[in-house]
C-alpha atoms as a PDB file:
ATOM      1  CA  MET A   1     -17.354 -11.934  -9.254  1.00  0.00           C
ATOM      2  CA  LEU A   2     -13.623 -12.608  -9.098  1.00  0.00           C
ATOM      3  CA  ASN A   3     -13.149 -10.612  -5.894  1.00  0.00           C
ATOM      4  CA  ILE A   4      -9.622  -9.379  -6.587  1.00  0.00           C
ATOM      5  CA  SER A   5      -7.905  -6.051  -6.173  1.00  0.00           C
ATOM      6  CA  PHE A   6      -6.338  -4.497  -9.229  1.00  0.00           C
ATOM      7  CA  ILE A   7      -4.728  -1.261 -10.305  1.00  0.00           C
ATOM      8  CA  ALA A   8      -5.736   0.332 -13.608  1.00  0.00           C
ATOM      9  CA  GLU A   9      -3.140   2.064 -15.803  1.00  0.00           C
ATOM     10  CA  TYR A  10      -0.132   0.894 -13.803  1.00  0.00           C
ATOM     11  CA  SER A  11       3.471   1.740 -14.746  1.00  0.00           C
ATOM     12  CA  ILE A  12       6.108  -1.001 -14.748  1.00  0.00           C
ATOM     13  CA  GLY A  13       9.513   0.162 -15.912  1.00  0.00           C
ATOM     14  CA  PRO A  14       9.082   1.999 -19.214  1.00  0.00           C
ATOM     15  CA  TYR A  15       5.599   0.539 -19.819  1.00  0.00           C
ATOM     16  CA  ASP A  16       2.036   1.290 -18.751  1.00  0.00           C
ATOM     17  CA  VAL A  17      -0.241  -1.722 -18.419  1.00  0.00           C
ATOM     18  CA  ASP A  18      -4.032  -1.660 -18.568  1.00  0.00           C
ATOM     19  CA  PHE A  19      -4.609  -3.581 -15.333  1.00  0.00           C
ATOM     20  CA  TYR A  20      -2.256  -5.027 -12.736  1.00  0.00           C
ATOM     21  CA  VAL A  21      -3.257  -7.610 -10.119  1.00  0.00           C
ATOM     22  CA  PRO A  22      -0.501  -7.361  -7.467  1.00  0.00           C
ATOM     23  CA  SER A  23      -1.549 -10.451  -5.509  1.00  0.00           C
ATOM     24  CA  ARG A  24      -0.959 -12.635  -8.588  1.00  0.00           C
ATOM     25  CA  ASN A  25       1.730 -10.611 -10.412  1.00  0.00           C
ATOM     26  CA  LEU A  26      -0.764 -10.599 -13.275  1.00  0.00           C
ATOM     27  CA  ILE A  27      -1.048  -8.048 -16.065  1.00  0.00           C
ATOM     28  CA  ILE A  28      -4.307  -7.853 -18.008  1.00  0.00           C
ATOM     29  CA  GLU A  29      -4.280  -6.073 -21.350  1.00  0.00           C
ATOM     30  CA  ALA A  30      -7.407  -5.146 -23.310  1.00  0.00           C
ATOM     31  CA  ASP A  31      -6.251  -5.078 -26.934  1.00  0.00           C
ATOM     32  CA  GLY A  32      -8.318  -2.947 -29.290  1.00  0.00           C
ATOM     33  CA  THR A  33      -8.484  -4.289 -32.834  1.00  0.00           C
ATOM     34  CA  TYR A  34      -7.365  -1.101 -34.557  1.00  0.00           C
ATOM     35  CA  TRP A  35      -4.191  -0.508 -32.574  1.00  0.00           C
ATOM     36  CA  HIS A  36      -3.163  -4.051 -31.785  1.00  0.00           C
ATOM     37  CA  SER A  37      -3.499  -5.419 -35.320  1.00  0.00           C
ATOM     38  CA  ARG A  38      -0.925  -3.026 -36.797  1.00  0.00           C
ATOM     39  CA  PRO A  39       2.472  -4.647 -37.549  1.00  0.00           C
ATOM     40  CA  GLU A  40       4.452  -2.072 -35.569  1.00  0.00           C
ATOM     41  CA  THR A  41       2.176  -2.507 -32.559  1.00  0.00           C
ATOM     42  CA  ILE A  42       2.394  -6.302 -32.721  1.00  0.00           C
ATOM     43  CA  GLU A  43       6.191  -6.019 -32.675  1.00  0.00           C
ATOM     44  CA  ARG A  44       6.145  -3.489 -29.825  1.00  0.00           C
ATOM     45  CA  ASP A  45       3.743  -5.672 -27.793  1.00  0.00           C
ATOM     46  CA  ALA A  46       6.011  -8.703 -28.290  1.00  0.00           C
ATOM     47  CA  LYS A  47       9.054  -6.781 -27.016  1.00  0.00           C
ATOM     48  CA  ARG A  48       7.060  -5.445 -24.100  1.00  0.00           C
ATOM     49  CA  ASP A  49       5.725  -8.901 -23.195  1.00  0.00           C
ATOM     50  CA  THR A  50       9.250 -10.326 -23.281  1.00  0.00           C
ATOM     51  CA  TYR A  51      10.465  -7.572 -20.954  1.00  0.00           C
ATOM     52  CA  LEU A  52       7.577  -7.987 -18.503  1.00  0.00           C
ATOM     53  CA  LYS A  53       7.741 -11.798 -18.500  1.00  0.00           C
ATOM     54  CA  GLY A  54      11.456 -11.475 -17.812  1.00  0.00           C
ATOM     55  CA  LEU A  55      10.523  -9.628 -14.626  1.00  0.00           C
ATOM     56  CA  GLY A  56       8.216 -12.482 -13.606  1.00  0.00           C
ATOM     57  CA  TYR A  57       4.842 -11.063 -14.641  1.00  0.00           C
ATOM     58  CA  VAL A  58       2.070 -13.187 -16.134  1.00  0.00           C
ATOM     59  CA  ILE A  59       0.368 -11.463 -19.068  1.00  0.00           C
ATOM     60  CA  PHE A  60      -3.222 -12.093 -20.104  1.00  0.00           C
ATOM     61  CA  ARG A  61      -4.381 -10.350 -23.288  1.00  0.00           C
ATOM     62  CA  ILE A  62      -8.043  -9.896 -24.091  1.00  0.00           C
ATOM     63  CA  PRO A  63      -8.751  -9.034 -27.734  1.00  0.00           C
ATOM     64  CA  GLN A  64     -11.535  -6.576 -28.503  1.00  0.00           C
ATOM     65  CA  GLU A  65     -13.501  -9.323 -30.271  1.00  0.00           C
ATOM     66  CA  THR A  66     -13.674 -11.225 -26.982  1.00  0.00           C
ATOM     67  CA  LEU A  67     -15.019  -8.200 -25.155  1.00  0.00           C
ATOM     68  CA  GLU A  68     -17.746  -7.816 -27.780  1.00  0.00           C
ATOM     69  CA  ASN A  69     -18.925 -11.458 -27.745  1.00  0.00           C
ATOM     70  CA  GLU A  70     -20.810 -12.776 -24.741  1.00  0.00           C
ATOM     71  CA  ASP A  71     -19.770 -16.430 -25.202  1.00  0.00           C
ATOM     72  CA  SER A  72     -16.117 -15.463 -25.625  1.00  0.00           C
ATOM     73  CA  LEU A  73     -16.331 -13.191 -22.612  1.00  0.00           C
ATOM     74  CA  VAL A  74     -17.636 -16.041 -20.452  1.00  0.00           C
ATOM     75  CA  THR A  75     -14.721 -18.216 -21.599  1.00  0.00           C
ATOM     76  CA  CYS A  76     -12.334 -15.365 -20.810  1.00  0.00           C
ATOM     77  CA  TYR A  77     -13.841 -15.058 -17.334  1.00  0.00           C
ATOM     78  CA  TYR A  78     -13.128 -18.713 -16.581  1.00  0.00           C
ATOM     79  CA  GLN A  79      -9.580 -18.438 -17.940  1.00  0.00           C
ATOM     80  CA  LEU A  80      -8.956 -15.484 -15.654  1.00  0.00           C
ATOM     81  CA  LYS A  81     -10.524 -17.314 -12.735  1.00  0.00           C
ATOM     82  CA  VAL A  82      -7.971 -20.113 -13.173  1.00  0.00           C
ATOM     83  CA  LEU A  83      -5.087 -17.611 -13.334  1.00  0.00           C
ATOM     84  CA  ILE A  84      -6.036 -15.888 -10.104  1.00  0.00           C
ATOM     85  CA  ALA A  85      -7.083 -18.972  -8.142  1.00  0.00           C
END
């Protein structure tokens, strides 16, 4: 579909990211509702995003609700397509 190479569970500095697309310096995170709605996790994710963006990475987060809804998933697909174009 998108025809890109990616690395799953990739380490960058002190962090592990869900997916890394080297050709676009893109990080894709799949955020589960349980873990990523907790206040301490939201704060940790914000610090992590700041660190990674400071290194020049683009971060694209996909909430669990998006992954569970076909219409939202289609929208997500087109957003990703723009990022990797």
